[in-house]
């Protein structure tokens, strides 16, 4: 099994790369989906979040109010660190379970871990390859505002809450430049798949 970490800043095009790799035959494990799963109603993680940040971060239906939680943690390094200390261990355990499951199903599988917070939480894990999706901050901010409808300030806060591009690029074995056209991003991704699947 090959275990590939795919990371990138918010709005870097990482999800586009992950989808293309899945279409090519990779098993993609999505860290954001795992986060949602471990924060589901009734989980210890959600209970710990409510205890730490208050009942106002829980919606009427018992689920996590992500907007309310985001308002508390983005732009506040201490609150973000508290949240990460609650969520990261659960995500680590569940992601490892999914890696093991993929390997049991197919020992030759190429597993791609789609993980935004690799530098913050998992950089020292034994990855076979670290792939970074990269676009300049200005382009990512534009995408957040124009495509996702965020206010300029909120977009910048989300970017600022993540590690710098320099730190992310410093750990890369492969950089996919997503600042150009979709076709250019997909061509680079196809080249990566050929490298992984024939090695």
Protein backbone atom coordinates (compact mmCIF):
# COMPACT_ATOMS: atom_id res chain seq x y z
CA UNK A 1 0.00 0.00 0.00
CA UNK A 2 1.13 3.55 -0.73
CA UNK A 3 0.02 6.17 1.79
CA UNK A 4 -0.06 9.66 0.32
CA UNK A 5 -0.80 12.84 2.26
CA UNK A 6 -2.55 15.54 0.22
CA UNK A 7 -2.70 18.97 1.83
CA UNK A 8 -3.15 22.61 0.94
CA UNK A 9 -4.52 25.83 2.31
CA UNK A 10 -8.20 26.66 2.22
CA UNK A 11 -9.43 27.16 -1.38
CA UNK A 12 -6.19 25.77 -2.79
CA UNK A 13 -7.89 23.25 -5.09
CA UNK A 14 -7.05 20.26 -2.92
CA UNK A 15 -10.53 18.75 -3.27
CA UNK A 16 -10.27 18.91 -7.07
CA UNK A 17 -7.01 16.95 -6.90
CA UNK A 18 -8.50 14.42 -4.48
CA UNK A 19 -11.51 13.83 -6.77
CA UNK A 20 -9.24 13.26 -9.77
CA UNK A 21 -7.09 10.79 -7.83
CA UNK A 22 -10.23 8.93 -6.70
CA UNK A 23 -11.41 8.76 -10.33
CA UNK A 24 -8.01 7.31 -11.21
CA UNK A 25 -8.30 4.53 -8.63
CA UNK A 26 -7.01 5.92 -5.35
CA UNK A 27 -8.82 5.30 -2.08
CA UNK A 28 -9.37 8.82 -0.72
CA UNK A 29 -9.79 9.26 3.02
CA UNK A 30 -11.23 12.71 3.68
CA UNK A 31 -10.12 14.29 6.96
CA UNK A 32 -12.93 16.87 6.85
CA UNK A 33 -15.51 14.07 6.58
CA UNK A 34 -13.89 12.31 9.51
CA UNK A 35 -14.08 15.54 11.52
CA UNK A 36 -17.81 15.72 10.82
CA UNK A 37 -18.24 12.07 11.79
CA UNK A 38 -16.39 12.36 15.10
CA UNK A 39 -18.35 15.55 15.93
CA UNK A 40 -21.75 13.97 15.27
CA UNK A 41 -24.50 14.21 17.91
CA UNK A 42 -23.91 11.81 20.79
CA UNK A 43 -20.14 11.59 20.33
CA UNK A 44 -17.63 12.31 23.10
CA UNK A 45 -15.98 14.91 20.86
CA UNK A 46 -19.18 16.95 20.50
CA UNK A 47 -19.79 16.75 24.24
CA UNK A 48 -16.26 18.04 24.90
CA UNK A 49 -16.73 20.89 22.41
CA UNK A 50 -19.97 21.93 24.11
CA UNK A 51 -18.34 21.77 27.54
CA UNK A 52 -15.38 23.88 26.38
CA UNK A 53 -17.13 26.46 24.18
CA UNK A 54 -20.64 26.59 25.60
CA UNK A 55 -24.11 25.38 24.67
CA UNK A 56 -24.42 28.12 22.04
CA UNK A 57 -22.24 26.08 19.66
CA UNK A 58 -24.87 23.32 19.61
CA UNK A 59 -27.77 23.75 17.18
CA UNK A 60 -31.41 23.12 18.12
CA UNK A 61 -31.28 19.64 16.56
CA UNK A 62 -28.29 18.66 18.73
CA UNK A 63 -25.71 18.94 15.96
CA UNK A 64 -22.66 21.19 15.96
CA UNK A 65 -23.38 24.76 14.89
CA UNK A 66 -20.23 25.17 12.79
CA UNK A 67 -20.77 28.86 12.16
CA UNK A 68 -21.11 29.59 15.88
CA UNK A 69 -18.02 27.54 16.68
CA UNK A 70 -16.09 29.14 13.83
CA UNK A 71 -16.93 32.59 15.17
CA UNK A 72 -15.33 31.60 18.48
CA UNK A 73 -12.16 29.95 17.19
CA UNK A 74 -11.09 31.66 13.97
CA UNK A 75 -8.92 34.62 14.83
CA UNK A 76 -8.36 33.33 18.38
CA UNK A 77 -5.24 31.17 18.58
CA UNK A 78 -5.96 29.92 22.12
CA UNK A 79 -9.50 28.80 21.28
CA UNK A 80 -8.31 27.17 18.08
CA UNK A 81 -5.64 25.26 20.02
CA UNK A 82 -8.30 24.10 22.51
CA UNK A 83 -10.50 22.87 19.68
CA UNK A 84 -7.62 21.07 17.98
CA UNK A 85 -6.70 19.34 21.25
CA UNK A 86 -10.22 17.92 21.40
CA UNK A 87 -10.65 16.97 17.75
CA UNK A 88 -7.22 15.91 16.47
CA UNK A 89 -6.77 12.73 18.58
CA UNK A 90 -10.18 11.40 17.52
CA UNK A 91 -9.50 12.19 13.87
CA UNK A 92 -6.09 10.51 14.06
CA UNK A 93 -7.58 7.31 15.48
CA UNK A 94 -10.42 7.18 12.94
CA UNK A 95 -8.20 7.96 9.98
CA UNK A 96 -5.83 5.17 10.96
CA UNK A 97 -8.78 2.80 11.20
CA UNK A 98 -9.79 3.76 7.65
CA UNK A 99 -6.22 3.36 6.34
CA UNK A 100 -6.09 -0.13 7.86
CA UNK A 101 -9.49 -0.98 6.38
CA UNK A 102 -8.34 0.07 2.89
CA UNK A 103 -5.16 -1.97 3.21
CA UNK A 104 -7.10 -5.03 4.38
CA UNK A 105 -9.41 -4.75 1.38
CA UNK A 106 -6.52 -4.31 -1.09
CA UNK A 107 -2.89 -4.58 0.03
CA UNK A 108 -1.85 -2.79 -3.20
CA UNK A 109 -4.18 0.18 -2.67
CA UNK A 110 -3.00 3.75 -3.09
CA UNK A 111 -4.52 5.58 -0.13
CA UNK A 112 -4.69 9.37 -0.31
CA UNK A 113 -5.33 11.20 2.95
CA UNK A 114 -6.99 14.51 2.03
CA UNK A 115 -5.97 16.57 5.08
CA UNK A 116 -5.96 20.36 5.37
CA UNK A 117 -4.09 20.44 8.69
CA UNK A 118 -1.20 18.14 7.87
CA UNK A 119 1.51 20.55 9.03
CA UNK A 120 -0.38 21.28 12.24
CA UNK A 121 -1.20 17.71 13.20
CA UNK A 122 0.27 14.87 11.11
CA UNK A 123 3.46 15.97 9.38
CA UNK A 124 5.67 13.41 11.15
CA UNK A 125 3.56 10.40 10.23
CA UNK A 126 5.22 7.87 7.88
CA UNK A 127 3.86 9.14 4.55
CA UNK A 128 5.22 7.68 1.34
CA UNK A 129 4.67 11.05 -0.36
CA UNK A 130 3.43 14.49 0.70
CA UNK A 131 1.58 16.40 -2.01
CA UNK A 132 0.79 20.09 -1.57
CA UNK A 133 -1.89 21.89 -3.58
CA UNK A 134 -0.72 25.47 -3.92
CA UNK A 135 -2.15 28.77 -5.10
CA UNK A 136 -1.09 32.22 -3.91
CA UNK A 137 -2.90 33.72 -0.93
CA UNK A 138 -4.48 36.42 -3.12
CA UNK A 139 -6.00 33.80 -5.41
CA UNK A 140 -7.30 31.71 -2.52
CA UNK A 141 -8.85 34.78 -0.90
CA UNK A 142 -10.52 35.67 -4.21
CA UNK A 143 -11.99 32.17 -4.47
CA UNK A 144 -13.37 32.33 -0.93
CA UNK A 145 -15.03 35.67 -1.61
CA UNK A 146 -16.22 35.17 -5.19
CA UNK A 147 -17.00 31.45 -5.23
CA UNK A 148 -17.88 30.65 -1.61
CA UNK A 149 -19.47 34.00 -0.84
CA UNK A 150 -17.38 34.85 2.21
CA UNK A 151 -16.83 38.38 3.39
CA UNK A 152 -13.29 39.61 2.71
CA UNK A 153 -12.42 39.76 6.40
CA UNK A 154 -13.79 36.29 7.13
CA UNK A 155 -11.85 34.87 4.18
CA UNK A 156 -8.63 36.43 5.44
CA UNK A 157 -9.25 35.12 8.97
CA UNK A 158 -9.66 31.59 7.63
CA UNK A 159 -6.41 31.89 5.71
CA UNK A 160 -4.59 33.42 8.67
CA UNK A 161 -5.79 30.61 10.96
CA UNK A 162 -3.79 28.10 8.90
CA UNK A 163 -0.03 27.72 8.68
CA UNK A 164 1.85 29.81 6.16
CA UNK A 165 2.39 28.73 2.57
CA UNK A 166 6.13 28.65 3.31
CA UNK A 167 5.71 26.04 6.05
CA UNK A 168 3.40 23.96 3.88
CA UNK A 169 5.67 24.08 0.84
CA UNK A 170 8.68 23.18 2.98
CA UNK A 171 7.28 19.69 3.65
CA UNK A 172 6.21 18.96 0.06
CA UNK A 173 7.57 16.11 -1.99
CA UNK A 174 5.31 17.22 -4.85
CA UNK A 175 3.68 20.62 -5.42
CA UNK A 176 0.66 20.90 -7.69
CA UNK A 177 0.25 24.51 -8.84
CA UNK A 178 -3.49 25.19 -8.86
CA UNK A 179 -3.30 28.86 -9.78
CA UNK A 180 -3.86 28.19 -13.48
CA UNK A 181 -6.74 26.55 -15.32
CA UNK A 182 -8.62 23.48 -14.16
CA UNK A 183 -7.12 21.57 -17.09
CA UNK A 184 -3.61 22.45 -15.92
CA UNK A 185 -4.38 21.25 -12.39
CA UNK A 186 -5.83 17.99 -13.68
CA UNK A 187 -2.86 17.40 -15.99
CA UNK A 188 -0.46 17.75 -13.06
CA UNK A 189 -2.65 15.40 -11.03
CA UNK A 190 -2.64 12.83 -13.81
CA UNK A 191 1.16 13.03 -13.94
CA UNK A 192 1.25 12.44 -10.19
CA UNK A 193 -1.03 9.40 -10.50
CA UNK A 194 1.16 7.92 -13.20
CA UNK A 195 4.20 8.36 -10.96
CA UNK A 196 2.46 6.79 -7.95
CA UNK A 197 0.76 3.92 -9.76
CA UNK A 198 3.82 2.81 -11.72
CA UNK A 199 6.36 3.02 -8.88
